[in-house]
Amino acid sequence: MWNPENKLAFPLMGFSLKFKITKNIYSINPTVIAENPHDQFNFIIGTVDGNIYKCAFNKPADNNFDYLLQNSGGVVWRSSVKYLLSNMNDKDVIELKNYIEMLCKDKNIIDLNPEQFFKLRPDITKLYKNALKSNYEKHISIVTGVEYNYYVKNLFLTCSFDGSLRLYHQNYHVKSYNLIQLLLRALNIFSVTI
């Protein structure tokens, strides 16, 4: 979520899209995204290399973090900075609070706004959780479209430069159905029987 008042200098809320193989962390390159019409916190993305990922992020907590930000060593946390913490658990909030307040003390910052907060370089991996939850059978080429079915919950279609149109169920990650191949088979059956 971005705030146009700060000229889109930093996001107020967000998530990361990364996966880990052994000790290496890789970012993914999404080409398309589709929000689940039945659940606003779940979405599907397609990537340049043909992967399809289920993603989700937590609903922002309505927590009042004032109790965690007490005894702040003289630093006033603006509400817009507090909102940034709404995606974090209490332990990470306390750890980040201590780190940021130590830097504020060194730099003589008393009134902490989002711009100053980001200039202090907080640990982004804790601030923005990874949204990738699982992946589906991949396409051979770049994914060019993803769309949820508005009438049948959890079904979505993908298409790709590989010429396939696939149907997936959000809760089953093993098998997709290539609709073009199914259609051609159906046409072949009808042409033989006629």
C-alpha atoms as a PDB file:
ATOM      1  CA  MET A   1       0.000   0.000   0.000  1.00  0.00           C
ATOM      2  CA  TRP A   2       1.457   3.329  -1.041  1.00  0.00           C
ATOM      3  CA  ASN A   3       0.756   6.850   0.099  1.00  0.00           C
ATOM      4  CA  PRO A   4       0.719   9.401  -2.760  1.00  0.00           C
ATOM      5  CA  GLU A   5       1.344  12.208  -0.264  1.00  0.00           C
ATOM      6  CA  ASN A   6       4.974  11.070   0.118  1.00  0.00           C
ATOM      7  CA  LYS A   7       5.423  10.908  -3.681  1.00  0.00           C
ATOM      8  CA  LEU A   8       5.504   7.096  -3.457  1.00  0.00           C
ATOM      9  CA  ALA A   9       8.883   7.249  -1.714  1.00  0.00           C
ATOM     10  CA  PHE A  10       8.164   4.199   0.458  1.00  0.00           C
ATOM     11  CA  PRO A  11       5.316   1.740   0.976  1.00  0.00           C
ATOM     12  CA  LEU A  12       3.216   1.936   4.119  1.00  0.00           C
ATOM     13  CA  MET A  13       2.433  -1.743   3.947  1.00  0.00           C
ATOM     14  CA  GLY A  14       3.452  -4.605   1.721  1.00  0.00           C
ATOM     15  CA  PHE A  15       4.982  -8.033   1.358  1.00  0.00           C
ATOM     16  CA  SER A  16       7.942  -9.638  -0.358  1.00  0.00           C
ATOM     17  CA  LEU A  17       7.935 -12.323  -3.045  1.00  0.00           C
ATOM     18  CA  LYS A  18      10.973 -14.525  -2.471  1.00  0.00           C
ATOM     19  CA  PHE A  19      11.799 -18.195  -2.203  1.00  0.00           C
ATOM     20  CA  LYS A  20      14.756 -19.962  -0.682  1.00  0.00           C
ATOM     21  CA  ILE A  21      16.762 -22.820  -2.180  1.00  0.00           C
ATOM     22  CA  THR A  22      19.421 -24.088   0.200  1.00  0.00           C
ATOM     23  CA  LYS A  23      21.047 -20.898   1.525  1.00  0.00           C
ATOM     24  CA  ASN A  24      20.246 -18.682  -1.473  1.00  0.00           C
ATOM     25  CA  ILE A  25      17.223 -16.398  -1.543  1.00  0.00           C
ATOM     26  CA  TYR A  26      15.728 -15.606  -4.934  1.00  0.00           C
ATOM     27  CA  SER A  27      13.245 -12.941  -5.901  1.00  0.00           C
ATOM     28  CA  ILE A  28      10.608 -13.899  -8.401  1.00  0.00           C
ATOM     29  CA  ASN A  29       9.610 -11.893 -11.461  1.00  0.00           C
ATOM     30  CA  PRO A  30       5.815 -11.699 -11.605  1.00  0.00           C
ATOM     31  CA  THR A  31       4.105 -10.921 -14.899  1.00  0.00           C
ATOM     32  CA  VAL A  32       0.454 -11.202 -13.817  1.00  0.00           C
ATOM     33  CA  ILE A  33      -1.544 -11.168 -10.614  1.00  0.00           C
ATOM     34  CA  ALA A  34      -5.122 -12.110  -9.738  1.00  0.00           C
ATOM     35  CA  GLU A  35      -6.841 -11.352  -6.452  1.00  0.00           C
ATOM     36  CA  ASN A  36      -9.183 -14.002  -5.130  1.00  0.00           C
ATOM     37  CA  PRO A  37     -12.691 -12.470  -5.300  1.00  0.00           C
ATOM     38  CA  HIS A  38     -13.791 -14.633  -2.364  1.00  0.00           C
ATOM     39  CA  ASP A  39     -10.823 -13.798  -0.092  1.00  0.00           C
ATOM     40  CA  GLN A  40      -9.078 -10.440  -0.464  1.00  0.00           C
ATOM     41  CA  PHE A  41      -5.939 -11.606   1.324  1.00  0.00           C
ATOM     42  CA  ASN A  42      -5.147 -14.437  -1.133  1.00  0.00           C
ATOM     43  CA  PHE A  43      -3.911 -14.009  -4.676  1.00  0.00           C
ATOM     44  CA  ILE A  44      -2.215 -15.921  -7.497  1.00  0.00           C
ATOM     45  CA  ILE A  45       0.768 -14.703  -9.489  1.00  0.00           C
ATOM     46  CA  GLY A  46       2.298 -15.946 -12.725  1.00  0.00           C
ATOM     47  CA  THR A  47       5.964 -15.382 -13.532  1.00  0.00           C
ATOM     48  CA  VAL A  48       8.378 -14.886 -16.393  1.00  0.00           C
ATOM     49  CA  ASP A  49       9.689 -18.447 -16.052  1.00  0.00           C
ATOM     50  CA  GLY A  50       6.210 -20.030 -16.149  1.00  0.00           C
ATOM     51  CA  ASN A  51       5.687 -20.587 -12.429  1.00  0.00           C
ATOM     52  CA  ILE A  52       2.313 -20.148 -10.756  1.00  0.00           C
ATOM     53  CA  TYR A  53       2.343 -19.225  -7.048  1.00  0.00           C
ATOM     54  CA  LYS A  54      -0.337 -19.019  -4.406  1.00  0.00           C
ATOM     55  CA  CYS A  55       0.310 -15.994  -2.216  1.00  0.00           C
ATOM     56  CA  ALA A  56      -1.298 -14.650   0.908  1.00  0.00           C
ATOM     57  CA  PHE A  57      -0.711 -11.921   3.395  1.00  0.00           C
ATOM     58  CA  ASN A  58      -2.156 -11.378   6.811  1.00  0.00           C
ATOM     59  CA  LYS A  59      -4.900  -8.912   7.422  1.00  0.00           C
ATOM     60  CA  PRO A  60      -3.338  -5.895   9.123  1.00  0.00           C
ATOM     61  CA  ALA A  61      -3.665  -6.235  12.852  1.00  0.00           C
ATOM     62  CA  ASP A  62      -5.865  -3.773  14.618  1.00  0.00           C
ATOM     63  CA  ASN A  63      -3.435  -4.005  17.511  1.00  0.00           C
ATOM     64  CA  ASN A  64      -2.639  -0.922  19.423  1.00  0.00           C
ATOM     65  CA  PHE A  65       1.142  -1.061  19.675  1.00  0.00           C
ATOM     66  CA  ASP A  66       1.310   1.760  22.209  1.00  0.00           C
ATOM     67  CA  TYR A  67       2.002  -0.696  25.012  1.00  0.00           C
ATOM     68  CA  LEU A  68       5.023  -2.014  23.058  1.00  0.00           C
ATOM     69  CA  LEU A  69       6.269   1.465  22.277  1.00  0.00           C
ATOM     70  CA  GLN A  70       6.175   2.715  25.865  1.00  0.00           C
ATOM     71  CA  ASN A  71       9.512   3.660  27.375  1.00  0.00           C
ATOM     72  CA  SER A  72      10.677   4.719  23.955  1.00  0.00           C
ATOM     73  CA  GLY A  73      13.632   6.705  25.178  1.00  0.00           C
ATOM     74  CA  GLY A  74      12.105  10.008  24.120  1.00  0.00           C
ATOM     75  CA  VAL A  75      11.238   8.960  20.538  1.00  0.00           C
ATOM     76  CA  VAL A  76       7.705   9.778  19.423  1.00  0.00           C
ATOM     77  CA  TRP A  77       6.401   7.148  16.987  1.00  0.00           C
ATOM     78  CA  ARG A  78       3.920   8.711  14.565  1.00  0.00           C
ATOM     79  CA  SER A  79       0.769   6.722  13.820  1.00  0.00           C
ATOM     80  CA  SER A  80       1.852   6.228  10.186  1.00  0.00           C
ATOM     81  CA  VAL A  81       5.015   4.490  11.438  1.00  0.00           C
ATOM     82  CA  LYS A  82       3.007   2.413  13.898  1.00  0.00           C
ATOM     83  CA  TYR A  83       0.863   1.223  10.987  1.00  0.00           C
ATOM     84  CA  LEU A  84       4.003  -0.231   9.388  1.00  0.00           C
ATOM     85  CA  LEU A  85       4.318  -2.532  12.395  1.00  0.00           C
ATOM     86  CA  SER A  86       0.818  -4.000  11.996  1.00  0.00           C
ATOM     87  CA  ASN A  87       2.084  -6.944   9.927  1.00  0.00           C
ATOM     88  CA  MET A  88       4.652  -7.987  12.526  1.00  0.00           C
ATOM     89  CA  ASN A  89       4.417 -10.180  15.604  1.00  0.00           C
ATOM     90  CA  ASP A  90       5.060  -8.649  19.047  1.00  0.00           C
ATOM     91  CA  LYS A  91       8.545 -10.147  19.410  1.00  0.00           C
ATOM     92  CA  ASP A  92       9.701  -8.640  16.101  1.00  0.00           C
ATOM     93  CA  VAL A  93       8.077  -5.303  16.968  1.00  0.00           C
ATOM     94  CA  ILE A  94      10.056  -5.097  20.212  1.00  0.00           C
ATOM     95  CA  GLU A  95      13.303  -6.093  18.469  1.00  0.00           C
ATOM     96  CA  LEU A  96      12.770  -3.531  15.694  1.00  0.00           C
ATOM     97  CA  LYS A  97      11.716  -0.866  18.211  1.00  0.00           C
ATOM     98  CA  ASN A  98      14.942  -1.273  20.188  1.00  0.00           C
ATOM     99  CA  TYR A  99      17.068  -1.143  17.019  1.00  0.00           C
ATOM    100  CA  ILE A 100      15.306   1.932  15.595  1.00  0.00           C
ATOM    101  CA  GLU A 101      15.348   3.801  18.903  1.00  0.00           C
ATOM    102  CA  MET A 102      19.073   3.168  19.292  1.00  0.00           C
ATOM    103  CA  LEU A 103      19.647   4.696  15.838  1.00  0.00           C
ATOM    104  CA  CYS A 104      17.271   7.592  16.605  1.00  0.00           C
ATOM    105  CA  LYS A 105      19.286   8.386  19.702  1.00  0.00           C
ATOM    106  CA  ASP A 106      22.541   8.379  17.674  1.00  0.00           C
ATOM    107  CA  LYS A 107      21.017  10.670  15.022  1.00  0.00           C
ATOM    108  CA  ASN A 108      19.082  12.911  17.452  1.00  0.00           C
ATOM    109  CA  ILE A 109      15.700  11.987  15.979  1.00  0.00           C
ATOM    110  CA  ILE A 110      12.864  12.677  18.401  1.00  0.00           C
ATOM    111  CA  ASP A 111       9.772  12.647  16.149  1.00  0.00           C
ATOM    112  CA  LEU A 112       9.921   9.510  13.982  1.00  0.00           C
ATOM    113  CA  ASN A 113       8.042   9.705  10.674  1.00  0.00           C
ATOM    114  CA  PRO A 114       7.980   7.033   7.912  1.00  0.00           C
ATOM    115  CA  GLU A 115      10.631   8.736   5.785  1.00  0.00           C
ATOM    116  CA  GLN A 116      13.087   8.819   8.702  1.00  0.00           C
ATOM    117  CA  PHE A 117      12.108   5.260   9.611  1.00  0.00           C
ATOM    118  CA  PHE A 118      13.109   3.943   6.173  1.00  0.00           C
ATOM    119  CA  LYS A 119      16.319   6.008   6.109  1.00  0.00           C
ATOM    120  CA  LEU A 120      17.354   4.095   9.257  1.00  0.00           C
ATOM    121  CA  ARG A 121      17.187   0.892   7.168  1.00  0.00           C
ATOM    122  CA  PRO A 122      15.035  -1.466   9.253  1.00  0.00           C
ATOM    123  CA  ASP A 123      15.121  -5.187   8.544  1.00  0.00           C
ATOM    124  CA  ILE A 124      12.733  -5.340   5.583  1.00  0.00           C
ATOM    125  CA  THR A 125      12.366  -9.135   5.835  1.00  0.00           C
ATOM    126  CA  LYS A 126      10.633  -8.706   9.188  1.00  0.00           C
ATOM    127  CA  LEU A 127       8.686  -5.625   8.173  1.00  0.00           C
ATOM    128  CA  TYR A 128       7.353  -7.171   4.941  1.00  0.00           C
ATOM    129  CA  LYS A 129       6.575 -10.854   5.328  1.00  0.00           C
ATOM    130  CA  ASN A 130       7.041 -13.267   2.449  1.00  0.00           C
ATOM    131  CA  ALA A 131       3.689 -13.780   0.729  1.00  0.00           C
ATOM    132  CA  LEU A 132       4.629 -16.935  -1.214  1.00  0.00           C
ATOM    133  CA  LYS A 133       2.781 -19.923   0.211  1.00  0.00           C
ATOM    134  CA  SER A 134       2.964 -22.656  -2.447  1.00  0.00           C
ATOM    135  CA  ASN A 135       3.339 -23.275  -6.143  1.00  0.00           C
ATOM    136  CA  TYR A 136       1.409 -25.111  -8.840  1.00  0.00           C
ATOM    137  CA  GLU A 137       2.351 -27.111 -11.918  1.00  0.00           C
ATOM    138  CA  LYS A 138       4.303 -24.673 -14.067  1.00  0.00           C
ATOM    139  CA  HIS A 139       3.934 -23.612 -17.663  1.00  0.00           C
ATOM    140  CA  ILE A 140       6.786 -24.051 -20.131  1.00  0.00           C
ATOM    141  CA  SER A 141       6.901 -20.339 -20.984  1.00  0.00           C
ATOM    142  CA  ILE A 142       5.998 -16.913 -19.582  1.00  0.00           C
ATOM    143  CA  VAL A 143       2.597 -16.692 -17.891  1.00  0.00           C
ATOM    144  CA  THR A 144       0.486 -14.057 -19.642  1.00  0.00           C
ATOM    145  CA  GLY A 145      -2.782 -14.267 -17.722  1.00  0.00           C
ATOM    146  CA  VAL A 146      -4.311 -15.421 -14.442  1.00  0.00           C
ATOM    147  CA  GLU A 147      -7.992 -15.063 -13.599  1.00  0.00           C
ATOM    148  CA  TYR A 148     -10.179 -16.412 -10.795  1.00  0.00           C
ATOM    149  CA  ASN A 149     -13.628 -17.814 -11.452  1.00  0.00           C
ATOM    150  CA  TYR A 150     -16.130 -15.490  -9.780  1.00  0.00           C
ATOM    151  CA  TYR A 151     -18.817 -18.174  -9.580  1.00  0.00           C
ATOM    152  CA  VAL A 152     -16.930 -21.320  -8.586  1.00  0.00           C
ATOM    153  CA  LYS A 153     -14.848 -20.664  -5.493  1.00  0.00           C
ATOM    154  CA  ASN A 154     -11.116 -21.534  -5.660  1.00  0.00           C
ATOM    155  CA  LEU A 155     -10.931 -22.219  -9.415  1.00  0.00           C
ATOM    156  CA  PHE A 156      -8.632 -20.140 -11.563  1.00  0.00           C
ATOM    157  CA  LEU A 157      -7.309 -20.152 -15.139  1.00  0.00           C
ATOM    158  CA  THR A 158      -3.835 -19.371 -16.408  1.00  0.00           C
ATOM    159  CA  CYS A 159      -2.539 -18.890 -19.922  1.00  0.00           C
ATOM    160  CA  SER A 160       0.968 -18.767 -21.270  1.00  0.00           C
ATOM    161  CA  PHE A 161       3.080 -18.142 -24.364  1.00  0.00           C
ATOM    162  CA  ASP A 162       3.461 -21.938 -24.498  1.00  0.00           C
ATOM    163  CA  GLY A 163      -0.060 -21.976 -25.990  1.00  0.00           C
ATOM    164  CA  SER A 164      -1.760 -23.634 -23.036  1.00  0.00           C
ATOM    165  CA  LEU A 165      -4.770 -22.558 -21.030  1.00  0.00           C
ATOM    166  CA  ARG A 166      -4.848 -24.325 -17.657  1.00  0.00           C
ATOM    167  CA  LEU A 167      -7.480 -24.753 -15.010  1.00  0.00           C
ATOM    168  CA  TYR A 168      -6.367 -25.066 -11.387  1.00  0.00           C
ATOM    169  CA  HIS A 169      -8.055 -25.550  -8.043  1.00  0.00           C
ATOM    170  CA  GLN A 170      -6.474 -23.306  -5.427  1.00  0.00           C
ATOM    171  CA  ASN A 171      -6.332 -26.065  -2.795  1.00  0.00           C
ATOM    172  CA  TYR A 172      -4.808 -28.790  -5.006  1.00  0.00           C
ATOM    173  CA  HIS A 173      -1.297 -28.230  -6.249  1.00  0.00           C
ATOM    174  CA  VAL A 174      -0.607 -31.486  -8.059  1.00  0.00           C
ATOM    175  CA  LYS A 175      -2.605 -31.546 -11.294  1.00  0.00           C
ATOM    176  CA  SER A 176      -3.794 -28.835 -13.640  1.00  0.00           C
ATOM    177  CA  TYR A 177      -5.998 -29.347 -16.666  1.00  0.00           C
ATOM    178  CA  ASN A 178      -4.873 -28.092 -20.052  1.00  0.00           C
ATOM    179  CA  LEU A 179      -8.193 -26.905 -21.459  1.00  0.00           C
ATOM    180  CA  ILE A 180      -6.954 -26.653 -25.037  1.00  0.00           C
ATOM    181  CA  GLN A 181      -5.875 -30.323 -25.036  1.00  0.00           C
ATOM    182  CA  LEU A 182      -9.200 -31.349 -23.435  1.00  0.00           C
ATOM    183  CA  LEU A 183     -11.107 -29.410 -26.109  1.00  0.00           C
ATOM    184  CA  LEU A 184      -9.064 -30.968 -28.928  1.00  0.00           C
ATOM    185  CA  ARG A 185      -9.683 -34.446 -27.501  1.00  0.00           C
ATOM    186  CA  ALA A 186     -13.399 -33.718 -27.304  1.00  0.00           C
ATOM    187  CA  LEU A 187     -13.422 -32.486 -30.925  1.00  0.00           C
ATOM    188  CA  ASN A 188     -11.470 -35.578 -32.014  1.00  0.00           C
ATOM    189  CA  ILE A 189     -14.024 -37.865 -30.324  1.00  0.00           C
ATOM    190  CA  PHE A 190     -16.896 -36.069 -32.039  1.00  0.00           C
ATOM    191  CA  SER A 191     -15.203 -36.161 -35.444  1.00  0.00           C
ATOM    192  CA  VAL A 192     -14.720 -39.936 -35.189  1.00  0.00           C
ATOM    193  CA  THR A 193     -18.307 -40.622 -34.161  1.00  0.00           C
ATOM    194  CA  ILE A 194     -19.921 -38.496 -36.882  1.00  0.00           C
END
